[in-house]
Amino acid sequence: MEMRFKATSSVKAEIAILRISNTHTNEFVEILPTMGTRVHKLYLQRGNRVCSVLEEKDLSEKSLNLFPFHGAKLSPFSNRIEDGKYVFNDTVFKLEKNFIEEQNACHGFIYKNLF
């Protein structure tokens, strides 16, 4: 039985990249496993072409700092939680403030971590 998918690893700008490709259609996704499985590239078939469906950013430190959540999994929450606090069922929960300049907990905590 022929494998329909292939996984390959590479490194660019000192960042690990995992590419999962469909060997029949040439569609592929590239993820950054050391950055919370951020989706770096996604190419899908449209008609008889394989096209990018995400705005691609380079992997330079400048780009990663300008767009820290581009393609990121925003888990366990998305958006900003003011002062890192929220109330659920009359219980106050506190989260780490990862955006100190705004005093917020922002976009979860896995976006920069090994997944």
N, C-alpha and C. Protein backbone atom coordinates (compact mmCIF):
# COMPACT_ATOMS: atom_id res chain seq x y z
N MET A 1 0.84 -1.18 0.00
CA MET A 1 0.00 0.00 0.00
C MET A 1 0.89 1.24 0.00
N GLU A 2 0.63 2.12 -0.92
CA GLU A 2 1.42 3.35 -1.04
C GLU A 2 0.98 4.37 0.00
N MET A 3 1.97 5.01 0.63
CA MET A 3 1.67 6.06 1.61
C MET A 3 1.24 7.33 0.86
N ARG A 4 0.16 7.91 1.29
CA ARG A 4 -0.36 9.11 0.65
C ARG A 4 0.29 10.37 1.21
N PHE A 5 0.80 10.28 2.44
CA PHE A 5 1.39 11.45 3.08
C PHE A 5 2.84 11.19 3.44
N LYS A 6 3.62 12.26 3.44
CA LYS A 6 5.03 12.17 3.79
C LYS A 6 5.36 13.32 4.72
N ALA A 7 6.14 13.03 5.75
CA ALA A 7 6.59 14.07 6.69
C ALA A 7 8.09 14.24 6.54
N THR A 8 8.52 15.49 6.42
CA THR A 8 9.95 15.79 6.33
C THR A 8 10.27 16.92 7.29
N SER A 9 11.50 16.92 7.77
CA SER A 9 11.96 17.95 8.71
C SER A 9 13.08 18.74 8.08
N SER A 10 13.14 20.01 8.42
CA SER A 10 14.24 20.87 7.99
C SER A 10 14.43 21.96 9.04
N VAL A 11 15.47 22.75 8.84
CA VAL A 11 15.74 23.88 9.74
C VAL A 11 16.04 25.09 8.87
N LYS A 12 15.42 26.22 9.20
CA LYS A 12 15.67 27.47 8.49
C LYS A 12 15.75 28.57 9.53
N ALA A 13 16.77 29.39 9.45
CA ALA A 13 16.98 30.49 10.41
C ALA A 13 16.94 29.94 11.84
N GLU A 14 17.53 28.77 12.03
CA GLU A 14 17.62 28.10 13.33
C GLU A 14 16.25 27.70 13.89
N ILE A 15 15.25 27.60 13.04
CA ILE A 15 13.90 27.21 13.46
C ILE A 15 13.54 25.90 12.77
N ALA A 16 13.10 24.92 13.57
CA ALA A 16 12.70 23.62 13.03
C ALA A 16 11.39 23.77 12.26
N ILE A 17 11.32 23.09 11.11
CA ILE A 17 10.13 23.10 10.27
C ILE A 17 9.73 21.65 9.99
N LEU A 18 8.47 21.34 10.19
CA LEU A 18 7.94 20.03 9.84
C LEU A 18 6.97 20.23 8.69
N ARG A 19 7.23 19.52 7.58
CA ARG A 19 6.35 19.61 6.40
C ARG A 19 5.61 18.29 6.25
N ILE A 20 4.31 18.37 6.16
CA ILE A 20 3.49 17.19 5.89
C ILE A 20 2.88 17.40 4.51
N SER A 21 3.22 16.48 3.59
CA SER A 21 2.82 16.62 2.19
C SER A 21 1.91 15.49 1.76
N ASN A 22 0.95 15.82 0.92
CA ASN A 22 0.13 14.82 0.26
C ASN A 22 0.86 14.47 -1.04
N THR A 23 1.35 13.25 -1.15
CA THR A 23 2.17 12.86 -2.30
C THR A 23 1.35 12.72 -3.58
N HIS A 24 0.04 12.67 -3.47
CA HIS A 24 -0.81 12.55 -4.66
C HIS A 24 -1.21 13.91 -5.22
N THR A 25 -1.40 14.89 -4.35
CA THR A 25 -1.90 16.20 -4.81
C THR A 25 -0.86 17.31 -4.73
N ASN A 26 0.25 17.05 -4.04
CA ASN A 26 1.31 18.04 -3.78
C ASN A 26 0.88 19.13 -2.79
N GLU A 27 -0.28 18.99 -2.17
CA GLU A 27 -0.67 19.92 -1.11
C GLU A 27 0.24 19.69 0.09
N PHE A 28 0.47 20.74 0.88
CA PHE A 28 1.30 20.57 2.07
C PHE A 28 1.02 21.63 3.11
N VAL A 29 1.42 21.32 4.33
CA VAL A 29 1.40 22.26 5.44
C VAL A 29 2.78 22.24 6.07
N GLU A 30 3.28 23.40 6.45
CA GLU A 30 4.52 23.49 7.22
C GLU A 30 4.19 24.07 8.58
N ILE A 31 4.63 23.37 9.61
CA ILE A 31 4.41 23.85 10.97
C ILE A 31 5.75 24.04 11.66
N LEU A 32 5.75 24.86 12.69
CA LEU A 32 6.94 25.16 13.48
C LEU A 32 6.74 24.52 14.86
N PRO A 33 7.23 23.29 15.05
CA PRO A 33 6.95 22.56 16.30
C PRO A 33 7.55 23.20 17.54
N THR A 34 8.59 24.00 17.40
CA THR A 34 9.18 24.64 18.58
C THR A 34 8.50 25.97 18.91
N MET A 35 7.48 26.31 18.13
CA MET A 35 6.74 27.55 18.35
C MET A 35 5.25 27.25 18.44
N GLY A 36 4.91 26.27 19.27
CA GLY A 36 3.51 25.95 19.52
C GLY A 36 2.77 25.38 18.33
N THR A 37 3.47 24.73 17.42
CA THR A 37 2.94 24.19 16.15
C THR A 37 2.30 25.28 15.29
N ARG A 38 2.92 26.43 15.29
CA ARG A 38 2.46 27.54 14.45
C ARG A 38 2.42 27.07 12.98
N VAL A 39 1.35 27.40 12.28
CA VAL A 39 1.24 27.07 10.86
C VAL A 39 2.03 28.13 10.09
N HIS A 40 3.10 27.69 9.43
CA HIS A 40 3.97 28.60 8.69
C HIS A 40 3.52 28.75 7.24
N LYS A 41 3.20 27.63 6.61
CA LYS A 41 2.72 27.64 5.22
C LYS A 41 1.60 26.62 5.08
N LEU A 42 0.64 26.93 4.22
CA LEU A 42 -0.42 25.99 3.90
C LEU A 42 -0.75 26.16 2.42
N TYR A 43 -0.48 25.10 1.65
CA TYR A 43 -0.74 25.10 0.22
C TYR A 43 -1.79 24.04 -0.08
N LEU A 44 -2.90 24.46 -0.70
CA LEU A 44 -3.99 23.55 -1.03
C LEU A 44 -4.31 23.63 -2.51
N GLN A 45 -4.90 22.56 -3.01
CA GLN A 45 -5.23 22.49 -4.42
C GLN A 45 -6.46 23.33 -4.73
N ARG A 46 -6.35 24.09 -5.80
CA ARG A 46 -7.48 24.87 -6.31
C ARG A 46 -7.48 24.68 -7.81
N GLY A 47 -8.45 23.93 -8.28
CA GLY A 47 -8.44 23.58 -9.70
C GLY A 47 -7.25 22.67 -9.97
N ASN A 48 -6.45 23.04 -10.94
CA ASN A 48 -5.26 22.22 -11.26
C ASN A 48 -3.97 22.82 -10.70
N ARG A 49 -4.09 23.77 -9.77
CA ARG A 49 -2.90 24.40 -9.17
C ARG A 49 -2.90 24.17 -7.67
N VAL A 50 -1.71 24.22 -7.09
CA VAL A 50 -1.55 24.20 -5.63
C VAL A 50 -1.18 25.63 -5.23
N CYS A 51 -2.01 26.24 -4.37
CA CYS A 51 -1.86 27.66 -4.04
C CYS A 51 -1.72 27.86 -2.54
N SER A 52 -1.00 28.91 -2.17
CA SER A 52 -0.88 29.30 -0.77
C SER A 52 -2.21 29.89 -0.31
N VAL A 53 -2.65 29.48 0.88
CA VAL A 53 -3.88 30.03 1.43
C VAL A 53 -3.62 30.88 2.67
N LEU A 54 -2.35 31.06 3.01
CA LEU A 54 -1.97 31.91 4.14
C LEU A 54 -1.00 32.97 3.66
N GLU A 55 -1.05 34.12 4.27
CA GLU A 55 -0.03 35.13 4.02
C GLU A 55 1.27 34.62 4.63
N GLU A 56 2.29 34.49 3.81
CA GLU A 56 3.56 33.95 4.30
C GLU A 56 4.44 35.04 4.89
N LYS A 57 5.01 34.73 6.03
CA LYS A 57 5.98 35.61 6.69
C LYS A 57 7.32 34.90 6.68
N ASP A 58 8.40 35.68 6.60
CA ASP A 58 9.71 35.05 6.69
C ASP A 58 9.98 34.66 8.14
N LEU A 59 11.04 33.94 8.35
CA LEU A 59 11.36 33.45 9.69
C LEU A 59 12.43 34.28 10.38
N SER A 60 12.60 35.51 9.94
CA SER A 60 13.58 36.38 10.59
C SER A 60 13.10 36.76 11.98
N GLU A 61 14.03 37.06 12.85
CA GLU A 61 13.67 37.48 14.21
C GLU A 61 12.78 38.73 14.17
N LYS A 62 13.09 39.64 13.26
CA LYS A 62 12.29 40.87 13.13
C LYS A 62 10.84 40.54 12.78
N SER A 63 10.65 39.66 11.80
CA SER A 63 9.30 39.28 11.39
C SER A 63 8.56 38.56 12.50
N LEU A 64 9.25 37.66 13.19
CA LEU A 64 8.61 36.93 14.29
C LEU A 64 8.22 37.86 15.43
N ASN A 65 8.99 38.92 15.64
CA ASN A 65 8.65 39.89 16.69
C ASN A 65 7.52 40.82 16.26
N LEU A 66 7.48 41.17 14.96
CA LEU A 66 6.42 42.04 14.46
C LEU A 66 5.07 41.32 14.39
N PHE A 67 5.12 40.02 14.10
CA PHE A 67 3.90 39.22 13.93
C PHE A 67 3.96 38.00 14.84
N PRO A 68 4.00 38.19 16.17
CA PRO A 68 4.24 37.06 17.07
C PRO A 68 3.14 36.01 17.08
N PHE A 69 1.95 36.33 16.59
CA PHE A 69 0.85 35.37 16.63
C PHE A 69 0.45 34.88 15.25
N HIS A 70 1.20 35.26 14.21
CA HIS A 70 0.86 34.84 12.85
C HIS A 70 0.91 33.31 12.74
N GLY A 71 -0.21 32.70 12.43
CA GLY A 71 -0.28 31.25 12.28
C GLY A 71 -0.26 30.48 13.59
N ALA A 72 -0.31 31.19 14.71
CA ALA A 72 -0.18 30.53 16.02
C ALA A 72 -1.49 29.91 16.47
N LYS A 73 -1.36 28.86 17.27
CA LYS A 73 -2.51 28.29 17.96
C LYS A 73 -2.72 29.12 19.22
N LEU A 74 -3.83 29.76 19.32
CA LEU A 74 -4.09 30.68 20.43
C LEU A 74 -4.79 29.92 21.55
N SER A 75 -4.04 29.09 22.22
CA SER A 75 -4.59 28.21 23.26
C SER A 75 -3.94 28.50 24.59
N PRO A 76 -4.61 28.35 25.65
CA PRO A 76 -5.99 27.89 25.80
C PRO A 76 -7.03 29.00 25.61
N PHE A 77 -6.62 30.19 25.20
CA PHE A 77 -7.59 31.26 24.95
C PHE A 77 -7.03 32.19 23.88
N SER A 78 -7.94 32.86 23.20
CA SER A 78 -7.53 33.88 22.23
C SER A 78 -7.92 35.24 22.78
N ASN A 79 -7.40 36.26 22.15
CA ASN A 79 -7.68 37.64 22.54
C ASN A 79 -6.95 38.03 23.81
N ARG A 80 -7.32 39.17 24.38
CA ARG A 80 -6.65 39.70 25.57
C ARG A 80 -7.56 39.58 26.78
N ILE A 81 -6.96 39.21 27.90
CA ILE A 81 -7.70 39.17 29.16
C ILE A 81 -7.11 40.26 30.03
N GLU A 82 -7.91 41.30 30.24
CA GLU A 82 -7.46 42.49 30.96
C GLU A 82 -6.93 42.14 32.34
N ASP A 83 -5.74 42.63 32.60
CA ASP A 83 -5.07 42.44 33.89
C ASP A 83 -4.85 40.96 34.23
N GLY A 84 -5.05 40.07 33.24
CA GLY A 84 -4.83 38.64 33.46
C GLY A 84 -5.82 38.00 34.40
N LYS A 85 -6.98 38.62 34.60
CA LYS A 85 -7.97 38.08 35.55
C LYS A 85 -9.32 37.90 34.87
N TYR A 86 -10.01 36.84 35.26
CA TYR A 86 -11.39 36.65 34.83
C TYR A 86 -12.17 35.92 35.92
N VAL A 87 -13.49 36.00 35.85
CA VAL A 87 -14.36 35.37 36.85
C VAL A 87 -15.22 34.33 36.14
N PHE A 88 -15.28 33.13 36.72
CA PHE A 88 -16.14 32.07 36.22
C PHE A 88 -16.80 31.39 37.40
N ASN A 89 -18.12 31.32 37.38
CA ASN A 89 -18.89 30.74 38.51
C ASN A 89 -18.48 31.36 39.84
N ASP A 90 -18.38 32.67 39.85
CA ASP A 90 -18.05 33.43 41.06
C ASP A 90 -16.64 33.16 41.61
N THR A 91 -15.79 32.54 40.82
CA THR A 91 -14.41 32.31 41.23
C THR A 91 -13.50 33.16 40.35
N VAL A 92 -12.58 33.89 40.97
CA VAL A 92 -11.62 34.72 40.24
C VAL A 92 -10.42 33.86 39.86
N PHE A 93 -10.06 33.88 38.58
CA PHE A 93 -8.89 33.16 38.08
C PHE A 93 -7.87 34.18 37.61
N LYS A 94 -6.60 33.89 37.84
CA LYS A 94 -5.52 34.79 37.43
C LYS A 94 -4.61 34.05 36.45
N LEU A 95 -4.26 34.74 35.39
CA LEU A 95 -3.36 34.20 34.37
C LEU A 95 -2.07 35.01 34.34
N GLU A 96 -1.03 34.39 33.86
CA GLU A 96 0.24 35.10 33.69
C GLU A 96 0.04 36.23 32.68
N LYS A 97 0.55 37.40 33.02
CA LYS A 97 0.50 38.54 32.09
C LYS A 97 1.70 38.41 31.16
N ASN A 98 1.44 37.98 29.93
CA ASN A 98 2.54 37.82 28.98
C ASN A 98 2.69 39.03 28.06
N PHE A 99 1.86 40.03 28.21
CA PHE A 99 2.01 41.30 27.52
C PHE A 99 2.11 42.38 28.59
N ILE A 100 3.27 42.46 29.20
CA ILE A 100 3.48 43.35 30.35
C ILE A 100 3.19 44.80 29.99
N GLU A 101 3.59 45.23 28.78
CA GLU A 101 3.38 46.63 28.40
C GLU A 101 1.90 47.00 28.36
N GLU A 102 1.03 46.01 28.16
CA GLU A 102 -0.42 46.26 28.16
C GLU A 102 -1.09 45.75 29.44
N GLN A 103 -0.32 45.08 30.30
CA GLN A 103 -0.86 44.48 31.52
C GLN A 103 -1.98 43.48 31.22
N ASN A 104 -1.77 42.67 30.17
CA ASN A 104 -2.77 41.69 29.76
C ASN A 104 -2.17 40.29 29.67
N ALA A 105 -3.04 39.31 29.77
CA ALA A 105 -2.72 37.96 29.32
C ALA A 105 -3.24 37.92 27.88
N CYS A 106 -2.40 37.54 26.95
CA CYS A 106 -2.75 37.69 25.54
C CYS A 106 -2.52 36.41 24.75
N HIS A 107 -3.54 35.94 24.06
CA HIS A 107 -3.45 34.86 23.07
C HIS A 107 -2.86 33.56 23.58
N GLY A 108 -3.16 33.17 24.78
CA GLY A 108 -2.71 31.87 25.26
C GLY A 108 -1.23 31.86 25.58
N PHE A 109 -0.73 30.66 25.80
CA PHE A 109 0.65 30.54 26.26
C PHE A 109 1.50 29.59 25.44
N ILE A 110 0.92 28.91 24.44
CA ILE A 110 1.73 27.92 23.72
C ILE A 110 2.36 28.47 22.45
N TYR A 111 2.08 29.70 22.08
CA TYR A 111 2.52 30.20 20.78
C TYR A 111 4.04 30.25 20.62
N LYS A 112 4.80 30.23 21.72
CA LYS A 112 6.26 30.26 21.62
C LYS A 112 6.91 29.00 22.18
N ASN A 113 6.13 27.99 22.51
CA ASN A 113 6.66 26.82 23.21
C ASN A 113 6.72 25.58 22.34
N LEU A 114 7.56 24.65 22.75
CA LEU A 114 7.66 23.36 22.10
C LEU A 114 6.35 22.62 22.29
N PHE A 115 5.84 22.08 21.21
CA PHE A 115 4.56 21.37 21.29
C PHE A 115 4.81 19.89 21.15
